[in-house]
Amino acid sequence: MALAGKHQFGEIDGKRVTFVEKGVDEERMKFLKSLLEHNKFEVIVGEKKKKSEDEPTLYDIGVTDLVFNPTIWIFERKLLTEDGRKVSQEYWEQKGTTTKPQYWQEK
């Protein structure tokens, strides 16, 4: 899911959260949960209801910190990887492991 500037609020399991991403697969959910918990956020994960048994299981992931906005935290370089590097947009989107501070593409 691409980063968006819009700050989304809601509830997961009766707890008020800022949504980090909605409708993600299990692998993405585990990546985000691990990254956010490492950065000391309380993470709440909710399983989306399936319309049929054939559909894959998808998850909504949120944090209880209502002022958290992933876009701001990434571009202000506030999130850290487990090995202490600053999270880049590429790292957040799981498109690579580089954590260079540039958010633009070098050619």
N, C-alpha and C. Protein backbone atom coordinates (compact mmCIF):
# COMPACT_ATOMS: atom_id res chain seq x y z
N MET A 1 0.85 -1.18 0.00
CA MET A 1 0.00 0.00 0.00
C MET A 1 0.89 1.23 0.00
N ALA A 2 0.60 2.15 -0.88
CA ALA A 2 1.38 3.37 -0.96
C ALA A 2 1.06 4.29 0.22
N LEU A 3 2.03 5.09 0.57
CA LEU A 3 1.81 6.05 1.65
C LEU A 3 0.83 7.12 1.19
N ALA A 4 0.01 7.55 2.11
CA ALA A 4 -0.95 8.62 1.82
C ALA A 4 -0.89 9.62 2.96
N GLY A 5 -1.11 10.87 2.65
CA GLY A 5 -1.06 11.90 3.66
C GLY A 5 -2.27 11.91 4.58
N LYS A 6 -3.35 11.28 4.14
CA LYS A 6 -4.58 11.29 4.91
C LYS A 6 -4.43 10.45 6.18
N HIS A 7 -4.87 11.01 7.26
CA HIS A 7 -4.79 10.39 8.58
C HIS A 7 -6.14 9.71 8.85
N GLN A 8 -6.16 8.38 8.96
CA GLN A 8 -7.41 7.65 9.12
C GLN A 8 -7.55 7.10 10.53
N PHE A 9 -8.71 7.33 11.11
CA PHE A 9 -9.02 6.86 12.46
C PHE A 9 -10.14 5.83 12.39
N GLY A 10 -10.25 5.03 13.40
CA GLY A 10 -11.34 4.07 13.48
C GLY A 10 -11.19 3.21 14.71
N GLU A 11 -11.83 2.04 14.68
CA GLU A 11 -11.77 1.11 15.80
C GLU A 11 -11.42 -0.27 15.30
N ILE A 12 -10.62 -0.96 16.09
CA ILE A 12 -10.33 -2.38 15.89
C ILE A 12 -10.56 -3.04 17.24
N ASP A 13 -11.45 -4.01 17.25
CA ASP A 13 -11.78 -4.74 18.49
C ASP A 13 -12.14 -3.80 19.64
N GLY A 14 -12.87 -2.75 19.34
CA GLY A 14 -13.34 -1.83 20.36
C GLY A 14 -12.33 -0.81 20.84
N LYS A 15 -11.13 -0.82 20.26
CA LYS A 15 -10.10 0.16 20.64
C LYS A 15 -9.96 1.20 19.54
N ARG A 16 -9.89 2.45 19.94
CA ARG A 16 -9.71 3.56 18.99
C ARG A 16 -8.27 3.52 18.47
N VAL A 17 -8.10 3.57 17.15
CA VAL A 17 -6.77 3.47 16.55
C VAL A 17 -6.62 4.46 15.40
N THR A 18 -5.35 4.71 15.08
CA THR A 18 -4.99 5.32 13.81
C THR A 18 -4.65 4.16 12.90
N PHE A 19 -5.34 4.06 11.76
CA PHE A 19 -5.05 2.98 10.84
C PHE A 19 -3.70 3.21 10.17
N VAL A 20 -2.91 2.16 10.14
CA VAL A 20 -1.63 2.19 9.44
C VAL A 20 -1.85 1.72 8.02
N GLU A 21 -2.48 0.57 7.88
CA GLU A 21 -2.87 0.04 6.57
C GLU A 21 -4.10 -0.84 6.76
N LYS A 22 -4.90 -0.92 5.72
CA LYS A 22 -6.10 -1.74 5.74
C LYS A 22 -6.03 -2.78 4.63
N GLY A 23 -6.58 -3.95 4.91
CA GLY A 23 -6.70 -4.99 3.90
C GLY A 23 -5.38 -5.57 3.43
N VAL A 24 -4.46 -5.82 4.36
CA VAL A 24 -3.15 -6.35 4.00
C VAL A 24 -3.10 -7.85 4.27
N ASP A 25 -2.20 -8.53 3.55
CA ASP A 25 -2.05 -9.96 3.76
C ASP A 25 -1.24 -10.24 5.03
N GLU A 26 -1.14 -11.51 5.39
CA GLU A 26 -0.50 -11.87 6.65
C GLU A 26 0.98 -11.49 6.69
N GLU A 27 1.68 -11.66 5.58
CA GLU A 27 3.11 -11.32 5.54
C GLU A 27 3.33 -9.83 5.81
N ARG A 28 2.54 -8.99 5.15
CA ARG A 28 2.64 -7.54 5.33
C ARG A 28 2.28 -7.15 6.77
N MET A 29 1.23 -7.78 7.29
CA MET A 29 0.79 -7.50 8.65
C MET A 29 1.90 -7.81 9.65
N LYS A 30 2.55 -8.95 9.49
CA LYS A 30 3.63 -9.34 10.40
C LYS A 30 4.81 -8.38 10.30
N PHE A 31 5.15 -7.94 9.08
CA PHE A 31 6.24 -6.98 8.89
C PHE A 31 5.94 -5.68 9.61
N LEU A 32 4.75 -5.11 9.37
CA LEU A 32 4.39 -3.83 9.99
C LEU A 32 4.27 -3.95 11.50
N LYS A 33 3.67 -5.03 11.97
CA LYS A 33 3.52 -5.22 13.41
C LYS A 33 4.88 -5.27 14.10
N SER A 34 5.80 -6.02 13.53
CA SER A 34 7.14 -6.12 14.09
C SER A 34 7.86 -4.77 14.08
N LEU A 35 7.79 -4.07 12.97
CA LEU A 35 8.45 -2.77 12.83
C LEU A 35 7.88 -1.76 13.82
N LEU A 36 6.57 -1.69 13.91
CA LEU A 36 5.94 -0.70 14.78
C LEU A 36 6.13 -1.03 16.26
N GLU A 37 6.06 -2.31 16.61
CA GLU A 37 6.31 -2.68 18.01
C GLU A 37 7.76 -2.39 18.40
N HIS A 38 8.68 -2.58 17.47
CA HIS A 38 10.08 -2.23 17.73
C HIS A 38 10.23 -0.74 18.03
N ASN A 39 9.37 0.07 17.40
CA ASN A 39 9.40 1.52 17.61
C ASN A 39 8.47 1.96 18.74
N LYS A 40 8.10 1.01 19.60
CA LYS A 40 7.37 1.25 20.86
C LYS A 40 5.90 1.66 20.68
N PHE A 41 5.27 1.25 19.58
CA PHE A 41 3.85 1.51 19.39
C PHE A 41 3.06 0.30 19.85
N GLU A 42 1.88 0.56 20.41
CA GLU A 42 0.95 -0.52 20.71
C GLU A 42 0.16 -0.80 19.44
N VAL A 43 0.33 -1.99 18.89
CA VAL A 43 -0.26 -2.35 17.60
C VAL A 43 -1.50 -3.21 17.83
N ILE A 44 -2.58 -2.87 17.13
CA ILE A 44 -3.81 -3.63 17.18
C ILE A 44 -4.07 -4.16 15.76
N VAL A 45 -4.31 -5.45 15.65
CA VAL A 45 -4.57 -6.08 14.36
C VAL A 45 -5.97 -6.67 14.37
N GLY A 46 -6.72 -6.40 13.32
CA GLY A 46 -8.06 -6.97 13.20
C GLY A 46 -8.18 -7.74 11.91
N GLU A 47 -8.77 -8.91 11.98
CA GLU A 47 -8.98 -9.72 10.79
C GLU A 47 -10.26 -9.25 10.10
N LYS A 48 -10.17 -9.00 8.81
CA LYS A 48 -11.35 -8.58 8.06
C LYS A 48 -12.26 -9.78 7.81
N LYS A 49 -13.54 -9.54 7.78
CA LYS A 49 -14.49 -10.62 7.52
C LYS A 49 -14.44 -11.01 6.06
N LYS A 50 -14.48 -12.31 5.84
CA LYS A 50 -14.47 -12.84 4.47
C LYS A 50 -15.91 -12.95 3.96
N LYS A 51 -16.08 -12.65 2.67
CA LYS A 51 -17.40 -12.84 2.07
C LYS A 51 -17.60 -14.29 1.67
N SER A 52 -16.49 -14.96 1.35
CA SER A 52 -16.56 -16.38 1.03
C SER A 52 -15.30 -17.06 1.55
N GLU A 53 -15.37 -18.37 1.67
CA GLU A 53 -14.25 -19.15 2.20
C GLU A 53 -13.06 -19.14 1.25
N ASP A 54 -13.28 -18.85 -0.03
CA ASP A 54 -12.21 -18.86 -1.04
C ASP A 54 -11.30 -17.63 -0.95
N GLU A 55 -11.77 -16.56 -0.36
CA GLU A 55 -10.99 -15.33 -0.28
C GLU A 55 -9.83 -15.48 0.70
N PRO A 56 -8.72 -14.79 0.42
CA PRO A 56 -7.61 -14.83 1.38
C PRO A 56 -7.95 -14.02 2.63
N THR A 57 -7.29 -14.35 3.72
CA THR A 57 -7.49 -13.61 4.97
C THR A 57 -6.73 -12.29 4.88
N LEU A 58 -7.42 -11.19 5.14
CA LEU A 58 -6.81 -9.86 5.12
C LEU A 58 -6.96 -9.22 6.50
N TYR A 59 -6.07 -8.28 6.77
CA TYR A 59 -6.02 -7.67 8.10
C TYR A 59 -5.99 -6.15 8.00
N ASP A 60 -6.56 -5.51 9.02
CA ASP A 60 -6.41 -4.08 9.24
C ASP A 60 -5.42 -3.94 10.38
N ILE A 61 -4.50 -3.00 10.25
CA ILE A 61 -3.50 -2.80 11.30
C ILE A 61 -3.53 -1.34 11.71
N GLY A 62 -3.52 -1.14 13.03
CA GLY A 62 -3.55 0.22 13.56
C GLY A 62 -2.71 0.32 14.82
N VAL A 63 -2.49 1.56 15.23
CA VAL A 63 -1.76 1.82 16.47
C VAL A 63 -2.64 2.67 17.37
N THR A 64 -2.45 2.54 18.67
CA THR A 64 -3.28 3.28 19.62
C THR A 64 -2.85 4.74 19.76
N ASP A 65 -1.70 5.10 19.22
CA ASP A 65 -1.24 6.49 19.23
C ASP A 65 -2.01 7.24 18.15
N LEU A 66 -2.98 8.05 18.56
CA LEU A 66 -3.88 8.70 17.60
C LEU A 66 -3.24 9.83 16.80
N VAL A 67 -2.04 10.25 17.16
CA VAL A 67 -1.37 11.29 16.37
C VAL A 67 -0.37 10.69 15.37
N PHE A 68 -0.21 9.38 15.39
CA PHE A 68 0.73 8.73 14.47
C PHE A 68 0.21 8.82 13.04
N ASN A 69 1.10 9.26 12.15
CA ASN A 69 0.81 9.28 10.72
C ASN A 69 2.04 8.67 10.03
N PRO A 70 1.91 7.49 9.40
CA PRO A 70 3.07 6.82 8.81
C PRO A 70 3.85 7.70 7.84
N THR A 71 3.16 8.47 7.03
CA THR A 71 3.84 9.31 6.04
C THR A 71 4.78 10.31 6.73
N ILE A 72 4.28 10.97 7.74
CA ILE A 72 5.10 11.95 8.46
C ILE A 72 6.28 11.27 9.15
N TRP A 73 6.02 10.16 9.82
CA TRP A 73 7.10 9.48 10.55
C TRP A 73 8.18 8.96 9.61
N ILE A 74 7.81 8.52 8.41
CA ILE A 74 8.81 8.01 7.47
C ILE A 74 9.62 9.16 6.88
N PHE A 75 8.96 10.20 6.41
CA PHE A 75 9.69 11.29 5.78
C PHE A 75 10.44 12.17 6.78
N GLU A 76 10.05 12.15 8.04
CA GLU A 76 10.82 12.84 9.08
C GLU A 76 11.88 11.92 9.68
N ARG A 77 11.97 10.69 9.15
CA ARG A 77 13.01 9.72 9.53
C ARG A 77 12.96 9.38 11.01
N LYS A 78 11.75 9.18 11.56
CA LYS A 78 11.58 8.88 12.98
C LYS A 78 11.52 7.38 13.27
N LEU A 79 11.17 6.56 12.28
CA LEU A 79 11.08 5.12 12.50
C LEU A 79 12.43 4.46 12.27
N LEU A 80 12.74 3.47 13.10
CA LEU A 80 14.00 2.76 12.99
C LEU A 80 13.76 1.28 12.72
N THR A 81 14.66 0.69 11.93
CA THR A 81 14.63 -0.75 11.71
C THR A 81 15.15 -1.43 12.96
N GLU A 82 15.05 -2.74 13.02
CA GLU A 82 15.52 -3.48 14.20
C GLU A 82 17.03 -3.38 14.38
N ASP A 83 17.76 -3.10 13.28
CA ASP A 83 19.21 -2.95 13.41
C ASP A 83 19.64 -1.48 13.51
N GLY A 84 18.68 -0.57 13.76
CA GLY A 84 19.00 0.82 14.07
C GLY A 84 19.08 1.77 12.89
N ARG A 85 18.77 1.30 11.68
CA ARG A 85 18.78 2.20 10.52
C ARG A 85 17.43 2.92 10.43
N LYS A 86 17.43 4.10 9.82
CA LYS A 86 16.19 4.85 9.65
C LYS A 86 15.40 4.29 8.48
N VAL A 87 14.10 4.16 8.68
CA VAL A 87 13.21 3.57 7.68
C VAL A 87 12.98 4.54 6.53
N SER A 88 13.16 4.06 5.32
CA SER A 88 12.88 4.84 4.11
C SER A 88 11.54 4.39 3.54
N GLN A 89 11.05 5.12 2.56
CA GLN A 89 9.81 4.75 1.91
C GLN A 89 9.96 3.39 1.23
N GLU A 90 11.09 3.14 0.60
CA GLU A 90 11.34 1.87 -0.07
C GLU A 90 11.30 0.71 0.93
N TYR A 91 11.90 0.91 2.09
CA TYR A 91 11.90 -0.12 3.13
C TYR A 91 10.48 -0.36 3.64
N TRP A 92 9.75 0.72 3.91
CA TRP A 92 8.38 0.64 4.42
C TRP A 92 7.48 -0.15 3.47
N GLU A 93 7.64 0.12 2.17
CA GLU A 93 6.81 -0.55 1.17
C GLU A 93 7.33 -1.93 0.80
N GLN A 94 8.38 -2.39 1.43
CA GLN A 94 9.01 -3.68 1.22
C GLN A 94 9.43 -3.89 -0.24
N LYS A 95 9.94 -2.81 -0.84
CA LYS A 95 10.44 -2.88 -2.21
C LYS A 95 11.95 -3.06 -2.23
N GLY A 96 12.57 -2.95 -1.09
CA GLY A 96 14.01 -3.11 -0.97
C GLY A 96 14.43 -2.91 0.47
N THR A 97 15.74 -3.06 0.69
CA THR A 97 16.24 -2.93 2.06
C THR A 97 17.06 -1.66 2.26
N THR A 98 17.17 -0.85 1.22
CA THR A 98 17.95 0.38 1.37
C THR A 98 17.23 1.35 2.31
N THR A 99 18.02 2.05 3.07
CA THR A 99 17.44 3.05 3.99
C THR A 99 18.09 4.41 3.74
N LYS A 100 18.49 4.65 2.49
CA LYS A 100 19.03 5.97 2.15
C LYS A 100 17.98 7.02 2.46
N PRO A 101 18.40 8.22 2.79
CA PRO A 101 17.42 9.25 3.13
C PRO A 101 16.64 9.80 1.95
N GLN A 102 17.10 9.56 0.74
CA GLN A 102 16.39 10.11 -0.41
C GLN A 102 15.10 9.34 -0.66
N TYR A 103 14.05 10.06 -0.93
CA TYR A 103 12.79 9.41 -1.26
C TYR A 103 12.53 9.44 -2.76
N TRP A 104 13.41 10.07 -3.51
CA TRP A 104 13.25 10.11 -4.96
C TRP A 104 14.13 9.04 -5.59
N GLN A 105 13.87 8.75 -6.84
CA GLN A 105 14.60 7.71 -7.57
C GLN A 105 15.83 8.31 -8.22
N GLU A 106 16.98 7.74 -7.94
CA GLU A 106 18.20 8.17 -8.62
C GLU A 106 18.35 7.40 -9.91
N LYS A 107 18.81 8.07 -10.95
CA LYS A 107 18.97 7.39 -12.26
C LYS A 107 20.42 7.37 -12.64
